[in-house]
Amino acid sequence: MTVAIEVGSTNVYADLGYADAAQMQRKASLAAEIIRDIKARHLTPNAASELLAIDQTEISRITRGQFRGMSEVKMLELVAKLGPAGVQ
């Protein structure tokens, strides 16, 4: 049995045909950074919500990869609020 393997690009959203693939890729990178920082600081959802001044539901959406409704600017603000990774 032969299995065909298709090599994709470096942007999964482009491979899936999204019109806003570049923006989605950037937002996915920002979400990953936010998640890493929250984990590195060992923040509970409540503590992360207070630090970032957003609802816990928004944090939950980001951690589940549901960030389409959040602007790139807002995500950059969250990264800035978290500051350098590992700093508490």
C-alpha atoms as a PDB file:
ATOM      1  CA  MET A   1       0.000   0.000   0.000  1.00  0.00           C
ATOM      2  CA  THR A   2       1.366   3.395  -1.005  1.00  0.00           C
ATOM      3  CA  VAL A   3       0.518   6.470   1.031  1.00  0.00           C
ATOM      4  CA  ALA A   4       0.657   9.838  -0.680  1.00  0.00           C
ATOM      5  CA  ILE A   5       2.168  12.593   1.397  1.00  0.00           C
ATOM      6  CA  GLU A   6       1.595  16.195   0.467  1.00  0.00           C
ATOM      7  CA  VAL A   7       4.162  18.699   1.675  1.00  0.00           C
ATOM      8  CA  GLY A   8       2.545  21.805   3.064  1.00  0.00           C
ATOM      9  CA  SER A   9       3.779  25.327   3.431  1.00  0.00           C
ATOM     10  CA  THR A  10       4.853  26.868   6.728  1.00  0.00           C
ATOM     11  CA  ASN A  11       1.342  28.299   7.148  1.00  0.00           C
ATOM     12  CA  VAL A  12      -1.356  25.733   7.846  1.00  0.00           C
ATOM     13  CA  TYR A  13      -4.055  28.379   7.370  1.00  0.00           C
ATOM     14  CA  ALA A  14      -2.846  29.016   3.811  1.00  0.00           C
ATOM     15  CA  ASP A  15      -2.773  25.271   3.197  1.00  0.00           C
ATOM     16  CA  LEU A  16      -6.417  25.141   4.308  1.00  0.00           C
ATOM     17  CA  GLY A  17      -7.342  27.995   1.976  1.00  0.00           C
ATOM     18  CA  TYR A  18      -8.122  30.771   4.469  1.00  0.00           C
ATOM     19  CA  ALA A  19      -8.187  34.212   2.859  1.00  0.00           C
ATOM     20  CA  ASP A  20      -6.661  35.788   5.978  1.00  0.00           C
ATOM     21  CA  ALA A  21      -4.001  33.095   6.406  1.00  0.00           C
ATOM     22  CA  ALA A  22      -1.097  35.418   7.234  1.00  0.00           C
ATOM     23  CA  GLN A  23      -3.068  37.196   9.942  1.00  0.00           C
ATOM     24  CA  MET A  24      -4.289  33.902  11.406  1.00  0.00           C
ATOM     25  CA  GLN A  25      -0.706  32.608  11.498  1.00  0.00           C
ATOM     26  CA  ARG A  26       0.438  35.717  13.389  1.00  0.00           C
ATOM     27  CA  LYS A  27      -2.468  35.453  15.823  1.00  0.00           C
ATOM     28  CA  ALA A  28      -1.739  31.764  16.394  1.00  0.00           C
ATOM     29  CA  SER A  29       1.865  32.670  17.242  1.00  0.00           C
ATOM     30  CA  LEU A  30       0.672  35.345  19.668  1.00  0.00           C
ATOM     31  CA  ALA A  31      -1.775  32.906  21.269  1.00  0.00           C
ATOM     32  CA  ALA A  32       1.029  30.375  21.706  1.00  0.00           C
ATOM     33  CA  GLU A  33       3.172  33.039  23.385  1.00  0.00           C
ATOM     34  CA  ILE A  34       0.329  34.036  25.713  1.00  0.00           C
ATOM     35  CA  ILE A  35      -0.277  30.402  26.654  1.00  0.00           C
ATOM     36  CA  ARG A  36       3.457  29.756  27.255  1.00  0.00           C
ATOM     37  CA  ASP A  37       3.707  32.825  29.475  1.00  0.00           C
ATOM     38  CA  ILE A  38       0.631  31.895  31.507  1.00  0.00           C
ATOM     39  CA  LYS A  39       2.008  28.379  32.021  1.00  0.00           C
ATOM     40  CA  ALA A  40       5.519  29.623  32.820  1.00  0.00           C
ATOM     41  CA  ARG A  41       4.082  31.845  35.542  1.00  0.00           C
ATOM     42  CA  HIS A  42       1.850  29.015  36.827  1.00  0.00           C
ATOM     43  CA  LEU A  43      -1.143  31.358  36.684  1.00  0.00           C
ATOM     44  CA  THR A  44      -4.598  30.062  37.435  1.00  0.00           C
ATOM     45  CA  PRO A  45      -7.322  31.145  35.011  1.00  0.00           C
ATOM     46  CA  ASN A  46      -8.529  33.618  37.650  1.00  0.00           C
ATOM     47  CA  ALA A  47      -5.035  35.073  38.203  1.00  0.00           C
ATOM     48  CA  ALA A  48      -4.434  35.338  34.440  1.00  0.00           C
ATOM     49  CA  SER A  49      -7.807  37.038  34.044  1.00  0.00           C
ATOM     50  CA  GLU A  50      -6.942  39.607  36.703  1.00  0.00           C
ATOM     51  CA  LEU A  51      -3.429  40.241  35.359  1.00  0.00           C
ATOM     52  CA  LEU A  52      -4.618  40.641  31.767  1.00  0.00           C
ATOM     53  CA  ALA A  53      -7.838  42.470  32.674  1.00  0.00           C
ATOM     54  CA  ILE A  54      -9.978  40.207  30.496  1.00  0.00           C
ATOM     55  CA  ASP A  55     -12.697  37.663  31.247  1.00  0.00           C
ATOM     56  CA  GLN A  56     -11.720  34.086  32.002  1.00  0.00           C
ATOM     57  CA  THR A  57     -13.835  33.058  29.015  1.00  0.00           C
ATOM     58  CA  GLU A  58     -11.518  35.037  26.714  1.00  0.00           C
ATOM     59  CA  ILE A  59      -8.486  33.282  28.194  1.00  0.00           C
ATOM     60  CA  SER A  60     -10.218  29.958  27.701  1.00  0.00           C
ATOM     61  CA  ARG A  61     -10.944  30.792  24.055  1.00  0.00           C
ATOM     62  CA  ILE A  62      -7.312  31.727  23.427  1.00  0.00           C
ATOM     63  CA  THR A  63      -6.055  28.499  25.003  1.00  0.00           C
ATOM     64  CA  ARG A  64      -8.454  26.515  22.800  1.00  0.00           C
ATOM     65  CA  GLY A  65      -7.271  28.311  19.652  1.00  0.00           C
ATOM     66  CA  GLN A  66     -10.508  30.245  19.238  1.00  0.00           C
ATOM     67  CA  PHE A  67      -9.057  33.698  18.717  1.00  0.00           C
ATOM     68  CA  ARG A  68     -10.666  34.674  15.411  1.00  0.00           C
ATOM     69  CA  GLY A  69     -12.851  37.324  17.102  1.00  0.00           C
ATOM     70  CA  MET A  70      -9.923  38.915  18.951  1.00  0.00           C
ATOM     71  CA  SER A  71      -7.881  41.572  17.200  1.00  0.00           C
ATOM     72  CA  GLU A  72      -4.175  41.194  16.641  1.00  0.00           C
ATOM     73  CA  VAL A  73      -3.673  44.481  18.498  1.00  0.00           C
ATOM     74  CA  LYS A  74      -5.517  43.134  21.564  1.00  0.00           C
ATOM     75  CA  MET A  75      -3.391  39.995  21.506  1.00  0.00           C
ATOM     76  CA  LEU A  76      -0.220  42.113  21.322  1.00  0.00           C
ATOM     77  CA  GLU A  77      -1.472  44.069  24.341  1.00  0.00           C
ATOM     78  CA  LEU A  78      -1.892  40.810  26.274  1.00  0.00           C
ATOM     79  CA  VAL A  79       1.649  39.730  25.385  1.00  0.00           C
ATOM     80  CA  ALA A  80       2.926  43.118  26.594  1.00  0.00           C
ATOM     81  CA  LYS A  81       0.993  42.823  29.869  1.00  0.00           C
ATOM     82  CA  LEU A  82       2.602  39.455  30.513  1.00  0.00           C
ATOM     83  CA  GLY A  83       6.049  40.946  29.950  1.00  0.00           C
ATOM     84  CA  PRO A  84       9.168  38.795  29.532  1.00  0.00           C
ATOM     85  CA  ALA A  85       8.510  35.058  29.870  1.00  0.00           C
ATOM     86  CA  GLY A  86       9.288  33.623  33.250  1.00  0.00           C
ATOM     87  CA  VAL A  87       9.154  36.974  35.079  1.00  0.00           C
ATOM     88  CA  GLN A  88       6.708  37.083  37.961  1.00  0.00           C
END
